[in-house]
Amino acid sequence: MANLLQGRYTVDNQEDIVVFLIGMRINKWWAVHKWLPVFLAMPGMITELFSNKEKLGFLSQETYFGLKTTVMIQYWNSAEQLLSYAKQEKHMAAWKAFNQKVGNNKAVAIYHETYQVKKGNYECIYVNMPKYGLGKALSPIPVTKQRHSASSRLASVSSSDK
């Protein structure tokens, strides 16, 4: 199976991270000429992110395709690095094209949400899973007796460090 990590795994929550949700919603399926260019703009940016992860501060992502709405959950080292990428050529060209071609047309919508998460304020558990989510963005580690419960994983950074 797809590189399963057997047993229970978590991540060390000793670093601040940024969780970025970005996606699009198709409001009018028949307006393919409006939403398809928006959809097709993303793969080039994703390739760029994965090709320059360390330089850009990009950690990883997961993508979900729904009937009308698509969402990518991205993990970044910092908000500054995420905002810096937003100003780079490939993203700016896609943003400009969206505004010129779609603008206020209601056929397609885009959205994003940004969450800055301080160290010690996130936790995860994976059981018999491949690297996924935070476990793919950060390095998965085996669950120990000290990190057996969600509350203990959240408490793994001492209160004086928070």
N, C-alpha and C. Protein backbone atom coordinates (compact mmCIF):
# COMPACT_ATOMS: atom_id res chain seq x y z
N MET A 1 0.84 -1.19 0.00
CA MET A 1 0.00 0.00 0.00
C MET A 1 0.88 1.25 0.00
N ALA A 2 0.33 2.33 -0.40
CA ALA A 2 1.01 3.60 -0.66
C ALA A 2 1.88 4.10 0.48
N ASN A 3 2.99 3.44 0.75
CA ASN A 3 3.94 3.87 1.77
C ASN A 3 3.27 4.18 3.11
N LEU A 4 2.51 3.23 3.61
CA LEU A 4 1.84 3.42 4.89
C LEU A 4 2.85 3.47 6.02
N LEU A 5 2.63 4.35 6.94
CA LEU A 5 3.39 4.39 8.17
C LEU A 5 2.58 3.58 9.17
N GLN A 6 3.06 2.43 9.52
CA GLN A 6 2.30 1.56 10.41
C GLN A 6 2.30 2.09 11.83
N GLY A 7 1.19 1.93 12.50
CA GLY A 7 1.08 2.36 13.87
C GLY A 7 0.58 3.79 13.98
N ARG A 8 0.80 4.38 15.14
CA ARG A 8 0.30 5.73 15.44
C ARG A 8 1.43 6.74 15.30
N TYR A 9 1.15 7.80 14.54
CA TYR A 9 2.13 8.86 14.30
C TYR A 9 1.51 10.21 14.58
N THR A 10 2.35 11.15 14.90
CA THR A 10 1.97 12.53 15.11
C THR A 10 3.08 13.40 14.55
N VAL A 11 3.08 14.68 14.85
CA VAL A 11 4.19 15.57 14.49
C VAL A 11 4.62 16.32 15.73
N ASP A 12 5.85 16.79 15.71
CA ASP A 12 6.37 17.62 16.77
C ASP A 12 5.85 19.04 16.52
N ASN A 13 5.14 19.59 17.45
CA ASN A 13 4.52 20.90 17.24
C ASN A 13 5.35 22.04 17.83
N GLN A 14 6.65 22.00 17.59
CA GLN A 14 7.58 22.97 18.16
C GLN A 14 7.81 24.20 17.28
N GLU A 15 7.15 24.27 16.12
CA GLU A 15 7.35 25.39 15.20
C GLU A 15 6.02 26.08 14.90
N ASP A 16 6.07 27.40 14.74
CA ASP A 16 4.91 28.11 14.23
C ASP A 16 4.68 27.66 12.79
N ILE A 17 3.42 27.58 12.37
CA ILE A 17 3.10 27.25 10.99
C ILE A 17 1.97 28.14 10.51
N VAL A 18 1.77 28.15 9.21
CA VAL A 18 0.63 28.84 8.61
C VAL A 18 -0.16 27.80 7.82
N VAL A 19 -1.45 27.78 8.04
CA VAL A 19 -2.36 26.93 7.28
C VAL A 19 -3.14 27.86 6.36
N PHE A 20 -3.08 27.56 5.07
CA PHE A 20 -3.69 28.41 4.04
C PHE A 20 -4.68 27.57 3.25
N LEU A 21 -5.93 27.97 3.25
CA LEU A 21 -6.96 27.32 2.46
C LEU A 21 -7.22 28.18 1.24
N ILE A 22 -7.19 27.58 0.07
CA ILE A 22 -7.46 28.33 -1.16
C ILE A 22 -8.27 27.44 -2.08
N GLY A 23 -9.20 28.05 -2.76
CA GLY A 23 -10.01 27.25 -3.65
C GLY A 23 -10.89 28.07 -4.57
N MET A 24 -11.71 27.35 -5.30
CA MET A 24 -12.66 27.97 -6.21
C MET A 24 -13.99 27.24 -6.14
N ARG A 25 -15.02 27.95 -6.53
CA ARG A 25 -16.36 27.37 -6.57
C ARG A 25 -16.96 27.68 -7.93
N ILE A 26 -17.48 26.66 -8.58
CA ILE A 26 -18.14 26.83 -9.87
C ILE A 26 -19.61 27.11 -9.58
N ASN A 27 -20.04 28.31 -9.93
CA ASN A 27 -21.43 28.71 -9.71
C ASN A 27 -22.31 28.45 -10.92
N LYS A 28 -21.69 28.45 -12.11
CA LYS A 28 -22.44 28.20 -13.34
C LYS A 28 -21.64 27.19 -14.18
N TRP A 29 -22.02 25.92 -14.10
CA TRP A 29 -21.31 24.86 -14.81
C TRP A 29 -21.21 25.12 -16.30
N TRP A 30 -22.26 25.68 -16.91
CA TRP A 30 -22.30 25.89 -18.34
C TRP A 30 -21.35 26.99 -18.81
N ALA A 31 -20.84 27.81 -17.89
CA ALA A 31 -19.91 28.88 -18.24
C ALA A 31 -18.46 28.39 -18.17
N VAL A 32 -18.20 27.30 -18.86
CA VAL A 32 -16.87 26.67 -18.83
C VAL A 32 -15.77 27.66 -19.21
N HIS A 33 -16.05 28.54 -20.15
CA HIS A 33 -15.05 29.51 -20.60
C HIS A 33 -14.66 30.48 -19.48
N LYS A 34 -15.46 30.58 -18.43
CA LYS A 34 -15.13 31.45 -17.29
C LYS A 34 -14.36 30.70 -16.21
N TRP A 35 -14.81 29.48 -15.86
CA TRP A 35 -14.19 28.80 -14.73
C TRP A 35 -12.99 27.93 -15.11
N LEU A 36 -12.95 27.40 -16.33
CA LEU A 36 -11.83 26.53 -16.71
C LEU A 36 -10.47 27.25 -16.66
N PRO A 37 -10.34 28.48 -17.16
CA PRO A 37 -9.04 29.16 -17.03
C PRO A 37 -8.60 29.36 -15.58
N VAL A 38 -9.56 29.58 -14.69
CA VAL A 38 -9.23 29.73 -13.26
C VAL A 38 -8.70 28.40 -12.74
N PHE A 39 -9.39 27.33 -13.06
CA PHE A 39 -8.98 25.98 -12.65
C PHE A 39 -7.60 25.63 -13.19
N LEU A 40 -7.35 25.96 -14.45
CA LEU A 40 -6.09 25.60 -15.09
C LEU A 40 -4.91 26.47 -14.66
N ALA A 41 -5.16 27.58 -14.00
CA ALA A 41 -4.06 28.45 -13.54
C ALA A 41 -3.32 27.83 -12.35
N MET A 42 -3.99 26.99 -11.59
CA MET A 42 -3.40 26.49 -10.35
C MET A 42 -2.27 25.47 -10.54
N PRO A 43 -2.37 24.50 -11.46
CA PRO A 43 -1.30 23.50 -11.56
C PRO A 43 0.10 24.07 -11.75
N GLY A 44 0.25 25.13 -12.52
CA GLY A 44 1.57 25.74 -12.71
C GLY A 44 2.12 26.31 -11.43
N MET A 45 1.24 26.93 -10.65
CA MET A 45 1.68 27.49 -9.36
C MET A 45 2.06 26.37 -8.39
N ILE A 46 1.30 25.29 -8.39
CA ILE A 46 1.60 24.16 -7.50
C ILE A 46 2.94 23.54 -7.87
N THR A 47 3.19 23.37 -9.15
CA THR A 47 4.48 22.85 -9.61
C THR A 47 5.61 23.76 -9.14
N GLU A 48 5.41 25.06 -9.28
CA GLU A 48 6.42 26.03 -8.83
C GLU A 48 6.66 25.91 -7.32
N LEU A 49 5.59 25.77 -6.55
CA LEU A 49 5.74 25.66 -5.10
C LEU A 49 6.53 24.41 -4.72
N PHE A 50 6.15 23.27 -5.28
CA PHE A 50 6.85 22.03 -4.93
C PHE A 50 8.30 22.03 -5.44
N SER A 51 8.57 22.73 -6.53
CA SER A 51 9.94 22.79 -7.08
C SER A 51 10.85 23.69 -6.26
N ASN A 52 10.27 24.61 -5.49
CA ASN A 52 11.07 25.59 -4.74
C ASN A 52 10.64 25.65 -3.28
N LYS A 53 10.30 24.52 -2.71
CA LYS A 53 9.71 24.49 -1.36
C LYS A 53 10.53 25.25 -0.33
N GLU A 54 11.79 24.90 -0.18
CA GLU A 54 12.61 25.51 0.87
C GLU A 54 12.78 27.01 0.65
N LYS A 55 13.04 27.40 -0.58
CA LYS A 55 13.24 28.81 -0.91
C LYS A 55 11.99 29.64 -0.61
N LEU A 56 10.81 29.07 -0.91
CA LEU A 56 9.56 29.80 -0.76
C LEU A 56 8.94 29.69 0.63
N GLY A 57 9.35 28.68 1.39
CA GLY A 57 8.73 28.47 2.70
C GLY A 57 7.47 27.63 2.64
N PHE A 58 7.22 27.02 1.50
CA PHE A 58 6.08 26.14 1.30
C PHE A 58 6.41 24.76 1.85
N LEU A 59 5.51 24.18 2.61
CA LEU A 59 5.77 22.87 3.21
C LEU A 59 5.09 21.74 2.45
N SER A 60 3.77 21.86 2.22
CA SER A 60 3.04 20.80 1.55
C SER A 60 1.59 21.22 1.34
N GLN A 61 0.80 20.32 0.75
CA GLN A 61 -0.61 20.61 0.55
C GLN A 61 -1.42 19.33 0.34
N GLU A 62 -2.70 19.47 0.52
CA GLU A 62 -3.68 18.44 0.18
C GLU A 62 -4.76 19.13 -0.65
N THR A 63 -5.34 18.42 -1.61
CA THR A 63 -6.37 18.99 -2.48
C THR A 63 -7.62 18.13 -2.44
N TYR A 64 -8.76 18.80 -2.43
CA TYR A 64 -10.05 18.12 -2.43
C TYR A 64 -10.91 18.71 -3.54
N PHE A 65 -11.51 17.83 -4.34
CA PHE A 65 -12.39 18.24 -5.43
C PHE A 65 -13.82 17.85 -5.07
N GLY A 66 -14.66 18.85 -4.92
CA GLY A 66 -16.07 18.61 -4.67
C GLY A 66 -16.87 18.83 -5.95
N LEU A 67 -18.16 18.65 -5.87
CA LEU A 67 -19.02 18.82 -7.03
C LEU A 67 -18.94 20.24 -7.56
N LYS A 68 -18.98 21.22 -6.68
CA LYS A 68 -18.89 22.63 -7.09
C LYS A 68 -17.65 23.33 -6.56
N THR A 69 -17.15 22.88 -5.42
CA THR A 69 -16.09 23.61 -4.73
C THR A 69 -14.83 22.75 -4.62
N THR A 70 -13.71 23.38 -4.89
CA THR A 70 -12.40 22.76 -4.75
C THR A 70 -11.66 23.52 -3.65
N VAL A 71 -10.93 22.78 -2.83
CA VAL A 71 -10.13 23.44 -1.79
C VAL A 71 -8.75 22.78 -1.73
N MET A 72 -7.75 23.61 -1.54
CA MET A 72 -6.39 23.15 -1.26
C MET A 72 -6.06 23.60 0.14
N ILE A 73 -5.55 22.70 0.91
CA ILE A 73 -5.06 23.02 2.24
C ILE A 73 -3.54 23.04 2.13
N GLN A 74 -2.97 24.20 2.31
CA GLN A 74 -1.52 24.35 2.19
C GLN A 74 -0.92 24.66 3.55
N TYR A 75 0.31 24.23 3.72
CA TYR A 75 1.07 24.47 4.94
C TYR A 75 2.32 25.26 4.57
N TRP A 76 2.56 26.33 5.32
CA TRP A 76 3.68 27.24 5.06
C TRP A 76 4.48 27.45 6.35
N ASN A 77 5.74 27.84 6.19
CA ASN A 77 6.57 28.17 7.34
C ASN A 77 6.12 29.46 8.02
N SER A 78 5.69 30.45 7.22
CA SER A 78 5.33 31.73 7.81
C SER A 78 4.37 32.49 6.90
N ALA A 79 3.63 33.42 7.50
CA ALA A 79 2.74 34.28 6.73
C ALA A 79 3.55 35.18 5.80
N GLU A 80 4.72 35.61 6.24
CA GLU A 80 5.57 36.47 5.42
C GLU A 80 5.95 35.76 4.12
N GLN A 81 6.28 34.48 4.21
CA GLN A 81 6.67 33.74 3.01
C GLN A 81 5.46 33.51 2.09
N LEU A 82 4.31 33.23 2.67
CA LEU A 82 3.09 33.09 1.87
C LEU A 82 2.77 34.39 1.14
N LEU A 83 2.81 35.50 1.86
CA LEU A 83 2.52 36.80 1.25
C LEU A 83 3.55 37.18 0.21
N SER A 84 4.79 36.80 0.43
CA SER A 84 5.83 37.06 -0.55
C SER A 84 5.56 36.29 -1.85
N TYR A 85 5.14 35.03 -1.71
CA TYR A 85 4.83 34.25 -2.91
C TYR A 85 3.66 34.88 -3.68
N ALA A 86 2.69 35.42 -2.97
CA ALA A 86 1.53 36.04 -3.63
C ALA A 86 1.95 37.19 -4.54
N LYS A 87 3.11 37.78 -4.29
CA LYS A 87 3.59 38.91 -5.10
C LYS A 87 4.47 38.46 -6.25
N GLN A 88 4.75 37.15 -6.35
CA GLN A 88 5.64 36.67 -7.40
C GLN A 88 4.91 36.54 -8.73
N GLU A 89 5.71 36.48 -9.79
CA GLU A 89 5.23 36.59 -11.17
C GLU A 89 4.09 35.62 -11.53
N LYS A 90 4.26 34.35 -11.26
CA LYS A 90 3.25 33.37 -11.68
C LYS A 90 1.91 33.62 -10.99
N HIS A 91 1.94 33.90 -9.70
CA HIS A 91 0.69 34.19 -8.99
C HIS A 91 0.08 35.50 -9.46
N MET A 92 0.89 36.53 -9.60
CA MET A 92 0.37 37.84 -10.02
C MET A 92 -0.25 37.76 -11.42
N ALA A 93 0.36 36.99 -12.32
CA ALA A 93 -0.20 36.83 -13.67
C ALA A 93 -1.56 36.12 -13.60
N ALA A 94 -1.68 35.11 -12.77
CA ALA A 94 -2.95 34.40 -12.62
C ALA A 94 -4.01 35.31 -12.01
N TRP A 95 -3.63 36.10 -11.02
CA TRP A 95 -4.56 37.01 -10.37
C TRP A 95 -5.03 38.09 -11.35
N LYS A 96 -4.11 38.63 -12.13
CA LYS A 96 -4.45 39.65 -13.12
C LYS A 96 -5.40 39.07 -14.17
N ALA A 97 -5.10 37.86 -14.66
CA ALA A 97 -5.96 37.22 -15.66
C ALA A 97 -7.35 36.96 -15.10
N PHE A 98 -7.43 36.53 -13.84
CA PHE A 98 -8.73 36.30 -13.21
C PHE A 98 -9.54 37.61 -13.19
N ASN A 99 -8.92 38.67 -12.76
CA ASN A 99 -9.63 39.95 -12.67
C ASN A 99 -10.06 40.48 -14.04
N GLN A 100 -9.22 40.25 -15.08
CA GLN A 100 -9.56 40.72 -16.42
C GLN A 100 -10.66 39.88 -17.06
N LYS A 101 -10.56 38.55 -16.92
CA LYS A 101 -11.49 37.65 -17.60
C LYS A 101 -12.77 37.39 -16.83
N VAL A 102 -12.68 37.37 -15.52
CA VAL A 102 -13.84 37.00 -14.71
C VAL A 102 -14.38 38.21 -13.97
N GLY A 103 -13.48 38.90 -13.27
CA GLY A 103 -13.90 40.08 -12.51
C GLY A 103 -15.09 39.80 -11.62
N ASN A 104 -16.18 40.53 -11.85
CA ASN A 104 -17.37 40.38 -11.03
C ASN A 104 -18.38 39.40 -11.62
N ASN A 105 -18.01 38.66 -12.66
CA ASN A 105 -18.90 37.66 -13.23
C ASN A 105 -19.19 36.60 -12.18
N LYS A 106 -20.41 36.18 -12.06
CA LYS A 106 -20.81 35.26 -11.00
C LYS A 106 -20.64 33.79 -11.36
N ALA A 107 -20.02 33.49 -12.49
CA ALA A 107 -19.87 32.10 -12.93
C ALA A 107 -18.90 31.31 -12.06
N VAL A 108 -17.91 31.98 -11.53
CA VAL A 108 -16.89 31.30 -10.74
C VAL A 108 -16.49 32.20 -9.57
N ALA A 109 -16.19 31.57 -8.47
CA ALA A 109 -15.76 32.31 -7.28
C ALA A 109 -14.43 31.73 -6.80
N ILE A 110 -13.63 32.55 -6.17
CA ILE A 110 -12.41 32.08 -5.54
C ILE A 110 -12.39 32.56 -4.10
N TYR A 111 -11.61 31.89 -3.28
CA TYR A 111 -11.54 32.27 -1.88
C TYR A 111 -10.22 31.79 -1.29
N HIS A 112 -9.85 32.40 -0.19
CA HIS A 112 -8.76 31.87 0.62
C HIS A 112 -8.94 32.29 2.07
N GLU A 113 -8.37 31.50 2.94
CA GLU A 113 -8.33 31.78 4.38
C GLU A 113 -6.93 31.48 4.86
N THR A 114 -6.42 32.32 5.75
CA THR A 114 -5.06 32.16 6.27
C THR A 114 -5.12 32.07 7.79
N TYR A 115 -4.46 31.05 8.33
CA TYR A 115 -4.41 30.85 9.78
C TYR A 115 -2.96 30.77 10.22
N GLN A 116 -2.56 31.65 11.12
CA GLN A 116 -1.23 31.58 11.72
C GLN A 116 -1.36 30.80 13.02
N VAL A 117 -0.66 29.68 13.09
CA VAL A 117 -0.80 28.78 14.23
C VAL A 117 0.53 28.74 14.99
N LYS A 118 0.48 29.13 16.24
CA LYS A 118 1.68 29.17 17.07
C LYS A 118 2.07 27.76 17.52
N LYS A 119 3.36 27.59 17.75
CA LYS A 119 3.84 26.30 18.23
C LYS A 119 3.05 25.88 19.47
N GLY A 120 2.82 24.60 19.57
CA GLY A 120 2.08 24.07 20.71
C GLY A 120 0.58 24.17 20.59
N ASN A 121 0.09 24.82 19.54
CA ASN A 121 -1.35 25.01 19.39
C ASN A 121 -1.94 24.18 18.26
N TYR A 122 -1.29 23.13 17.89
CA TYR A 122 -1.84 22.20 16.91
C TYR A 122 -1.38 20.80 17.27
N GLU A 123 -2.18 19.84 16.87
CA GLU A 123 -1.83 18.45 17.10
C GLU A 123 -2.48 17.62 16.01
N CYS A 124 -2.02 16.40 15.84
CA CYS A 124 -2.59 15.50 14.86
C CYS A 124 -2.28 14.06 15.26
N ILE A 125 -3.04 13.17 14.70
CA ILE A 125 -2.78 11.74 14.90
C ILE A 125 -3.08 11.03 13.58
N TYR A 126 -2.25 10.10 13.24
CA TYR A 126 -2.41 9.28 12.04
C TYR A 126 -2.18 7.84 12.46
N VAL A 127 -3.07 6.97 12.03
CA VAL A 127 -2.93 5.55 12.34
C VAL A 127 -2.95 4.78 11.02
N ASN A 128 -1.85 4.12 10.73
CA ASN A 128 -1.72 3.33 9.51
C ASN A 128 -2.02 4.15 8.25
N MET A 129 -1.50 5.35 8.21
CA MET A 129 -1.72 6.27 7.09
C MET A 129 -0.41 6.53 6.36
N PRO A 130 -0.49 6.87 5.08
CA PRO A 130 0.71 7.42 4.43
C PRO A 130 0.94 8.82 4.98
N LYS A 131 2.07 9.43 4.64
CA LYS A 131 2.29 10.82 5.05
C LYS A 131 1.17 11.66 4.47
N TYR A 132 0.55 12.46 5.33
CA TYR A 132 -0.66 13.17 4.94
C TYR A 132 -0.83 14.41 5.81
N GLY A 133 -1.36 15.49 5.25
CA GLY A 133 -1.64 16.70 6.01
C GLY A 133 -0.40 17.22 6.71
N LEU A 134 -0.55 17.52 8.00
CA LEU A 134 0.61 17.99 8.78
C LEU A 134 1.70 16.93 8.83
N GLY A 135 1.30 15.66 8.77
CA GLY A 135 2.28 14.57 8.78
C GLY A 135 3.10 14.50 7.51
N LYS A 136 2.66 15.15 6.45
CA LYS A 136 3.44 15.27 5.22
C LYS A 136 4.20 16.59 5.21
N ALA A 137 3.58 17.63 5.73
CA ALA A 137 4.22 18.95 5.75
C ALA A 137 5.39 18.98 6.73
N LEU A 138 5.21 18.35 7.87
CA LEU A 138 6.24 18.26 8.90
C LEU A 138 6.70 16.81 8.97
N SER A 139 7.65 16.51 9.79
CA SER A 139 8.14 15.14 9.89
C SER A 139 7.31 14.34 10.88
N PRO A 140 6.72 13.22 10.41
CA PRO A 140 5.95 12.40 11.34
C PRO A 140 6.87 11.70 12.35
N ILE A 141 6.39 11.58 13.57
CA ILE A 141 7.13 10.88 14.61
C ILE A 141 6.18 9.90 15.29
N PRO A 142 6.70 8.79 15.79
CA PRO A 142 5.84 7.83 16.47
C PRO A 142 5.21 8.44 17.73
N VAL A 143 3.99 8.03 18.00
CA VAL A 143 3.33 8.46 19.23
C VAL A 143 3.98 7.72 20.39
N THR A 144 4.36 8.46 21.40
CA THR A 144 4.96 7.89 22.60
C THR A 144 3.94 7.96 23.73
N LYS A 145 4.29 7.38 24.84
CA LYS A 145 3.41 7.42 26.01
C LYS A 145 3.12 8.87 26.41
N GLN A 146 4.12 9.75 26.26
CA GLN A 146 3.96 11.16 26.62
C GLN A 146 3.06 11.92 25.64
N ARG A 147 2.82 11.36 24.45
CA ARG A 147 1.99 12.02 23.43
C ARG A 147 0.81 11.13 23.02
N HIS A 148 0.31 10.37 23.96
CA HIS A 148 -0.73 9.39 23.67
C HIS A 148 -2.09 10.04 23.37
N SER A 149 -2.45 11.10 24.03
CA SER A 149 -3.76 11.73 23.85
C SER A 149 -3.61 13.08 23.15
N ALA A 150 -4.72 13.56 22.61
CA ALA A 150 -4.71 14.88 21.96
C ALA A 150 -4.28 15.96 22.94
N SER A 151 -4.78 15.88 24.18
CA SER A 151 -4.42 16.91 25.16
C SER A 151 -2.93 16.86 25.49
N SER A 152 -2.34 15.67 25.53
CA SER A 152 -0.91 15.60 25.82
C SER A 152 -0.08 16.09 24.63
N ARG A 153 -0.57 15.87 23.42
CA ARG A 153 0.16 16.38 22.25
C ARG A 153 0.10 17.90 22.21
N LEU A 154 -1.03 18.47 22.59
CA LEU A 154 -1.14 19.93 22.65
C LEU A 154 -0.30 20.51 23.77
N ALA A 155 -0.10 19.75 24.82
CA ALA A 155 0.68 20.22 25.98
C ALA A 155 2.16 19.94 25.82
N SER A 156 2.57 19.40 24.66
CA SER A 156 3.97 19.00 24.51
C SER A 156 4.93 20.18 24.48
N VAL A 157 4.45 21.37 24.24
CA VAL A 157 5.27 22.57 24.37
C VAL A 157 4.93 23.17 25.72
N SER A 158 5.91 23.37 26.53
CA SER A 158 5.63 23.85 27.89
C SER A 158 4.95 25.20 27.85
N SER A 159 4.15 25.50 28.83
CA SER A 159 3.40 26.75 28.87
C SER A 159 4.32 27.97 28.89
N SER A 160 5.54 27.81 29.35
CA SER A 160 6.46 28.95 29.36
C SER A 160 6.96 29.27 27.96
N ASP A 161 6.87 28.29 27.02
CA ASP A 161 7.31 28.52 25.64
C ASP A 161 6.23 29.15 24.79
N LYS A 162 4.98 29.07 25.19
CA LYS A 162 3.86 29.56 24.36
C LYS A 162 3.78 31.05 24.36
